[in-house]
Amino acid sequence: MVQLSDIKKEIEELPQQEYNNLKRWFAEKEWEIWDKQIKEDSNSGKLDFLTKEA
């Protein structure tokens, strides 16, 4: 298994364009996770209080 320290070292050695691509990929992954969580919370009723407040 690859160690986090190895991954960090590889990231630090990336050319700028590749680093930018990686940042973009991470941001997109974060939004995917966020969207999934919001959908799950909405479907489970955890966000019902928001519609009541509105």
N, C-alpha and C. Protein backbone atom coordinates (compact mmCIF):
# COMPACT_ATOMS: atom_id res chain seq x y z
N MET A 1 0.84 -1.19 0.00
CA MET A 1 0.00 0.00 0.00
C MET A 1 0.88 1.25 0.00
N VAL A 2 0.46 2.22 -0.74
CA VAL A 2 1.20 3.47 -0.85
C VAL A 2 0.98 4.30 0.42
N GLN A 3 2.04 4.85 0.93
CA GLN A 3 1.97 5.68 2.13
C GLN A 3 1.64 7.13 1.77
N LEU A 4 0.94 7.80 2.65
CA LEU A 4 0.58 9.19 2.43
C LEU A 4 1.82 10.05 2.22
N SER A 5 2.87 9.79 2.96
CA SER A 5 4.10 10.57 2.79
C SER A 5 4.66 10.43 1.37
N ASP A 6 4.52 9.24 0.77
CA ASP A 6 4.97 9.04 -0.61
C ASP A 6 4.10 9.83 -1.58
N ILE A 7 2.81 9.83 -1.34
CA ILE A 7 1.89 10.58 -2.20
C ILE A 7 2.20 12.07 -2.12
N LYS A 8 2.40 12.57 -0.92
CA LYS A 8 2.73 14.00 -0.75
C LYS A 8 4.00 14.37 -1.52
N LYS A 9 4.99 13.50 -1.41
CA LYS A 9 6.26 13.76 -2.11
C LYS A 9 6.04 13.82 -3.61
N GLU A 10 5.26 12.88 -4.14
CA GLU A 10 4.97 12.86 -5.58
C GLU A 10 4.21 14.11 -6.00
N ILE A 11 3.27 14.54 -5.19
CA ILE A 11 2.50 15.74 -5.51
C ILE A 11 3.42 16.96 -5.57
N GLU A 12 4.31 17.05 -4.61
CA GLU A 12 5.23 18.19 -4.58
C GLU A 12 6.14 18.23 -5.81
N GLU A 13 6.35 17.10 -6.45
CA GLU A 13 7.23 17.03 -7.61
C GLU A 13 6.49 17.18 -8.94
N LEU A 14 5.19 17.34 -8.89
CA LEU A 14 4.42 17.49 -10.12
C LEU A 14 4.73 18.80 -10.84
N PRO A 15 4.71 18.78 -12.16
CA PRO A 15 4.77 20.04 -12.90
C PRO A 15 3.52 20.88 -12.57
N GLN A 16 3.61 22.16 -12.71
CA GLN A 16 2.53 23.06 -12.33
C GLN A 16 1.19 22.68 -12.97
N GLN A 17 1.19 22.37 -14.26
CA GLN A 17 -0.06 22.03 -14.94
C GLN A 17 -0.69 20.75 -14.36
N GLU A 18 0.14 19.78 -14.08
CA GLU A 18 -0.38 18.53 -13.49
C GLU A 18 -0.91 18.79 -12.08
N TYR A 19 -0.22 19.64 -11.35
CA TYR A 19 -0.68 20.01 -10.01
C TYR A 19 -2.04 20.70 -10.09
N ASN A 20 -2.19 21.60 -11.05
CA ASN A 20 -3.48 22.28 -11.24
C ASN A 20 -4.58 21.29 -11.61
N ASN A 21 -4.25 20.33 -12.45
CA ASN A 21 -5.22 19.29 -12.81
C ASN A 21 -5.63 18.47 -11.59
N LEU A 22 -4.67 18.16 -10.74
CA LEU A 22 -4.96 17.40 -9.53
C LEU A 22 -5.87 18.20 -8.59
N LYS A 23 -5.58 19.49 -8.44
CA LYS A 23 -6.42 20.34 -7.59
C LYS A 23 -7.85 20.38 -8.12
N ARG A 24 -7.99 20.49 -9.42
CA ARG A 24 -9.31 20.52 -10.05
C ARG A 24 -10.04 19.20 -9.80
N TRP A 25 -9.32 18.10 -9.95
CA TRP A 25 -9.90 16.78 -9.72
C TRP A 25 -10.37 16.64 -8.27
N PHE A 26 -9.54 17.09 -7.33
CA PHE A 26 -9.93 17.03 -5.92
C PHE A 26 -11.17 17.87 -5.66
N ALA A 27 -11.22 19.05 -6.23
CA ALA A 27 -12.38 19.92 -6.03
C ALA A 27 -13.64 19.26 -6.58
N GLU A 28 -13.54 18.65 -7.75
CA GLU A 28 -14.69 17.97 -8.34
C GLU A 28 -15.13 16.79 -7.47
N LYS A 29 -14.17 16.04 -6.93
CA LYS A 29 -14.50 14.92 -6.05
C LYS A 29 -15.21 15.42 -4.80
N GLU A 30 -14.73 16.53 -4.24
CA GLU A 30 -15.37 17.09 -3.05
C GLU A 30 -16.81 17.47 -3.33
N TRP A 31 -17.06 18.09 -4.49
CA TRP A 31 -18.44 18.46 -4.85
C TRP A 31 -19.31 17.23 -5.05
N GLU A 32 -18.74 16.16 -5.65
CA GLU A 32 -19.49 14.92 -5.82
C GLU A 32 -19.91 14.35 -4.46
N ILE A 33 -18.96 14.33 -3.53
CA ILE A 33 -19.25 13.82 -2.18
C ILE A 33 -20.30 14.70 -1.51
N TRP A 34 -20.15 16.02 -1.63
CA TRP A 34 -21.10 16.97 -1.05
C TRP A 34 -22.50 16.75 -1.64
N ASP A 35 -22.59 16.66 -2.95
CA ASP A 35 -23.88 16.45 -3.60
C ASP A 35 -24.54 15.15 -3.14
N LYS A 36 -23.74 14.10 -3.05
CA LYS A 36 -24.27 12.81 -2.60
C LYS A 36 -24.80 12.91 -1.17
N GLN A 37 -24.04 13.57 -0.30
CA GLN A 37 -24.46 13.71 1.09
C GLN A 37 -25.73 14.54 1.21
N ILE A 38 -25.81 15.63 0.46
CA ILE A 38 -27.01 16.46 0.48
C ILE A 38 -28.22 15.66 0.01
N LYS A 39 -28.05 14.88 -1.05
CA LYS A 39 -29.15 14.06 -1.56
C LYS A 39 -29.59 13.04 -0.52
N GLU A 40 -28.63 12.38 0.11
CA GLU A 40 -28.95 11.39 1.14
C GLU A 40 -29.65 12.05 2.32
N ASP A 41 -29.16 13.19 2.75
CA ASP A 41 -29.78 13.89 3.88
C ASP A 41 -31.18 14.36 3.52
N SER A 42 -31.36 14.81 2.31
CA SER A 42 -32.67 15.26 1.87
C SER A 42 -33.65 14.09 1.82
N ASN A 43 -33.22 12.99 1.25
CA ASN A 43 -34.08 11.81 1.14
C ASN A 43 -34.43 11.22 2.50
N SER A 44 -33.54 11.36 3.47
CA SER A 44 -33.79 10.79 4.80
C SER A 44 -34.60 11.73 5.69
N GLY A 45 -34.85 12.95 5.23
CA GLY A 45 -35.62 13.90 6.02
C GLY A 45 -34.79 14.80 6.92
N LYS A 46 -33.48 14.65 6.89
CA LYS A 46 -32.63 15.46 7.76
C LYS A 46 -32.68 16.95 7.43
N LEU A 47 -33.12 17.28 6.23
CA LEU A 47 -33.16 18.69 5.83
C LEU A 47 -34.58 19.26 5.84
N ASP A 48 -35.54 18.50 6.34
CA ASP A 48 -36.92 18.96 6.36
C ASP A 48 -37.09 20.26 7.14
N PHE A 49 -36.25 20.46 8.15
CA PHE A 49 -36.35 21.68 8.94
C PHE A 49 -36.13 22.93 8.08
N LEU A 50 -35.35 22.78 7.01
CA LEU A 50 -35.09 23.94 6.14
C LEU A 50 -36.36 24.38 5.41
N THR A 51 -37.15 23.44 4.95
CA THR A 51 -38.38 23.82 4.26
C THR A 51 -39.40 24.40 5.25
N LYS A 52 -39.35 23.92 6.48
CA LYS A 52 -40.26 24.46 7.51
C LYS A 52 -39.88 25.91 7.83
N GLU A 53 -38.57 26.19 7.87
CA GLU A 53 -38.11 27.55 8.15
C GLU A 53 -38.43 28.50 7.01
N ALA A 54 -38.41 27.99 5.79
CA ALA A 54 -38.68 28.83 4.63
C ALA A 54 -40.15 29.08 4.56
